[in-house]
């Protein structure tokens, strides 16, 4: 059987989305959030994957903003308590 090799000019690895999708899937813990395996995720049509990633990014931004707001509220409360202790 003859072996088949990709042409280097195709830059297959540079255009390969699998690694990027896997990195995002792991980093954003999409398996837990979407209740699916990576195989289930990657076997969806590309437009569905892109939509899932877009929504995941939106939720990540909202979660980050909420965490920042909570931290600001805690800092503010701590500063008030400190001022009360100083008086």
C-alpha atoms as a PDB file:
ATOM      1  CA  UNK A   1       0.000   0.000   0.000  1.00  0.00           C
ATOM      2  CA  UNK A   2       1.363   3.379  -0.947  1.00  0.00           C
ATOM      3  CA  UNK A   3       1.612   5.991   1.752  1.00  0.00           C
ATOM      4  CA  UNK A   4      -0.042   9.335   1.208  1.00  0.00           C
ATOM      5  CA  UNK A   5       1.561  12.504   2.423  1.00  0.00           C
ATOM      6  CA  UNK A   6       0.176  15.998   2.600  1.00  0.00           C
ATOM      7  CA  UNK A   7       1.928  18.600   0.538  1.00  0.00           C
ATOM      8  CA  UNK A   8       3.959  20.989   2.733  1.00  0.00           C
ATOM      9  CA  UNK A   9       2.539  23.964   0.845  1.00  0.00           C
ATOM     10  CA  UNK A  10      -0.921  23.107   2.203  1.00  0.00           C
ATOM     11  CA  UNK A  11       0.308  24.079   5.686  1.00  0.00           C
ATOM     12  CA  UNK A  12      -2.096  21.545   7.095  1.00  0.00           C
ATOM     13  CA  UNK A  13      -0.957  21.979  10.696  1.00  0.00           C
ATOM     14  CA  UNK A  14      -1.244  25.789  10.579  1.00  0.00           C
ATOM     15  CA  UNK A  15      -4.820  25.535   9.295  1.00  0.00           C
ATOM     16  CA  UNK A  16      -5.809  22.697  11.597  1.00  0.00           C
ATOM     17  CA  UNK A  17      -8.528  23.903  13.971  1.00  0.00           C
ATOM     18  CA  UNK A  18      -8.562  20.793  16.154  1.00  0.00           C
ATOM     19  CA  UNK A  19      -5.781  21.953  18.486  1.00  0.00           C
ATOM     20  CA  UNK A  20      -7.311  25.397  18.920  1.00  0.00           C
ATOM     21  CA  UNK A  21     -10.749  23.971  19.630  1.00  0.00           C
ATOM     22  CA  UNK A  22      -9.260  21.507  22.107  1.00  0.00           C
ATOM     23  CA  UNK A  23      -7.383  24.271  23.937  1.00  0.00           C
ATOM     24  CA  UNK A  24     -10.501  26.429  24.244  1.00  0.00           C
ATOM     25  CA  UNK A  25     -12.656  23.428  25.196  1.00  0.00           C
ATOM     26  CA  UNK A  26     -10.278  22.587  28.031  1.00  0.00           C
ATOM     27  CA  UNK A  27      -9.550  26.146  29.190  1.00  0.00           C
ATOM     28  CA  UNK A  28     -13.193  27.179  29.350  1.00  0.00           C
ATOM     29  CA  UNK A  29     -14.274  23.813  30.793  1.00  0.00           C
ATOM     30  CA  UNK A  30     -16.893  23.469  28.083  1.00  0.00           C
ATOM     31  CA  UNK A  31     -17.277  19.773  28.761  1.00  0.00           C
ATOM     32  CA  UNK A  32     -18.772  20.522  32.173  1.00  0.00           C
ATOM     33  CA  UNK A  33     -20.704  23.572  31.038  1.00  0.00           C
ATOM     34  CA  UNK A  34     -22.210  21.928  27.953  1.00  0.00           C
ATOM     35  CA  UNK A  35     -22.362  18.421  29.426  1.00  0.00           C
ATOM     36  CA  UNK A  36     -20.624  16.872  26.431  1.00  0.00           C
ATOM     37  CA  UNK A  37     -17.359  15.207  25.575  1.00  0.00           C
ATOM     38  CA  UNK A  38     -14.807  16.779  23.290  1.00  0.00           C
ATOM     39  CA  UNK A  39     -15.664  14.160  20.649  1.00  0.00           C
ATOM     40  CA  UNK A  40     -19.328  15.217  20.758  1.00  0.00           C
ATOM     41  CA  UNK A  41     -18.250  18.850  20.542  1.00  0.00           C
ATOM     42  CA  UNK A  42     -15.801  18.454  17.668  1.00  0.00           C
ATOM     43  CA  UNK A  43     -18.192  16.292  15.634  1.00  0.00           C
ATOM     44  CA  UNK A  44     -20.728  19.109  15.375  1.00  0.00           C
ATOM     45  CA  UNK A  45     -20.860  21.267  12.254  1.00  0.00           C
ATOM     46  CA  UNK A  46     -18.346  24.087  12.286  1.00  0.00           C
ATOM     47  CA  UNK A  47     -21.001  26.814  12.481  1.00  0.00           C
ATOM     48  CA  UNK A  48     -22.373  25.221  15.675  1.00  0.00           C
ATOM     49  CA  UNK A  49     -18.896  24.999  17.200  1.00  0.00           C
ATOM     50  CA  UNK A  50     -18.219  28.645  16.387  1.00  0.00           C
ATOM     51  CA  UNK A  51     -21.551  29.655  17.928  1.00  0.00           C
ATOM     52  CA  UNK A  52     -20.804  27.652  21.085  1.00  0.00           C
ATOM     53  CA  UNK A  53     -17.413  29.321  21.400  1.00  0.00           C
ATOM     54  CA  UNK A  54     -18.957  32.762  20.857  1.00  0.00           C
ATOM     55  CA  UNK A  55     -21.553  32.165  23.574  1.00  0.00           C
ATOM     56  CA  UNK A  56     -18.903  30.705  25.907  1.00  0.00           C
ATOM     57  CA  UNK A  57     -16.786  33.847  25.427  1.00  0.00           C
ATOM     58  CA  UNK A  58     -19.781  36.058  26.218  1.00  0.00           C
ATOM     59  CA  UNK A  59     -20.485  34.100  29.403  1.00  0.00           C
ATOM     60  CA  UNK A  60     -16.817  34.195  30.388  1.00  0.00           C
ATOM     61  CA  UNK A  61     -16.839  37.982  30.066  1.00  0.00           C
ATOM     62  CA  UNK A  62     -20.005  38.219  32.156  1.00  0.00           C
ATOM     63  CA  UNK A  63     -18.557  35.911  34.817  1.00  0.00           C
ATOM     64  CA  UNK A  64     -15.347  37.932  34.903  1.00  0.00           C
ATOM     65  CA  UNK A  65     -17.281  41.191  35.236  1.00  0.00           C
ATOM     66  CA  UNK A  66     -19.386  39.737  38.064  1.00  0.00           C
ATOM     67  CA  UNK A  67     -16.256  38.493  39.847  1.00  0.00           C
ATOM     68  CA  UNK A  68     -14.631  41.927  39.481  1.00  0.00           C
ATOM     69  CA  UNK A  69     -17.752  43.629  40.832  1.00  0.00           C
ATOM     70  CA  UNK A  70     -17.816  41.251  43.801  1.00  0.00           C
ATOM     71  CA  UNK A  71     -14.150  41.921  44.529  1.00  0.00           C
ATOM     72  CA  UNK A  72     -14.746  45.684  44.323  1.00  0.00           C
ATOM     73  CA  UNK A  73     -17.672  45.361  46.737  1.00  0.00           C
ATOM     74  CA  UNK A  74     -15.555  43.363  49.197  1.00  0.00           C
ATOM     75  CA  UNK A  75     -12.718  45.884  48.989  1.00  0.00           C
ATOM     76  CA  UNK A  76     -15.151  48.747  49.529  1.00  0.00           C
ATOM     77  CA  UNK A  77     -16.705  47.015  52.540  1.00  0.00           C
ATOM     78  CA  UNK A  78     -13.265  46.316  53.993  1.00  0.00           C
ATOM     79  CA  UNK A  79     -12.275  49.958  53.586  1.00  0.00           C
ATOM     80  CA  UNK A  80     -15.457  51.074  55.382  1.00  0.00           C
ATOM     81  CA  UNK A  81     -14.774  48.686  58.256  1.00  0.00           C
ATOM     82  CA  UNK A  82     -11.178  49.880  58.489  1.00  0.00           C
ATOM     83  CA  UNK A  83     -12.307  53.529  58.600  1.00  0.00           C
ATOM     84  CA  UNK A  84     -14.811  52.688  61.319  1.00  0.00           C
ATOM     85  CA  UNK A  85     -12.073  50.936  63.322  1.00  0.00           C
ATOM     86  CA  UNK A  86      -9.781  53.957  62.924  1.00  0.00           C
ATOM     87  CA  UNK A  87     -12.436  56.278  64.379  1.00  0.00           C
END
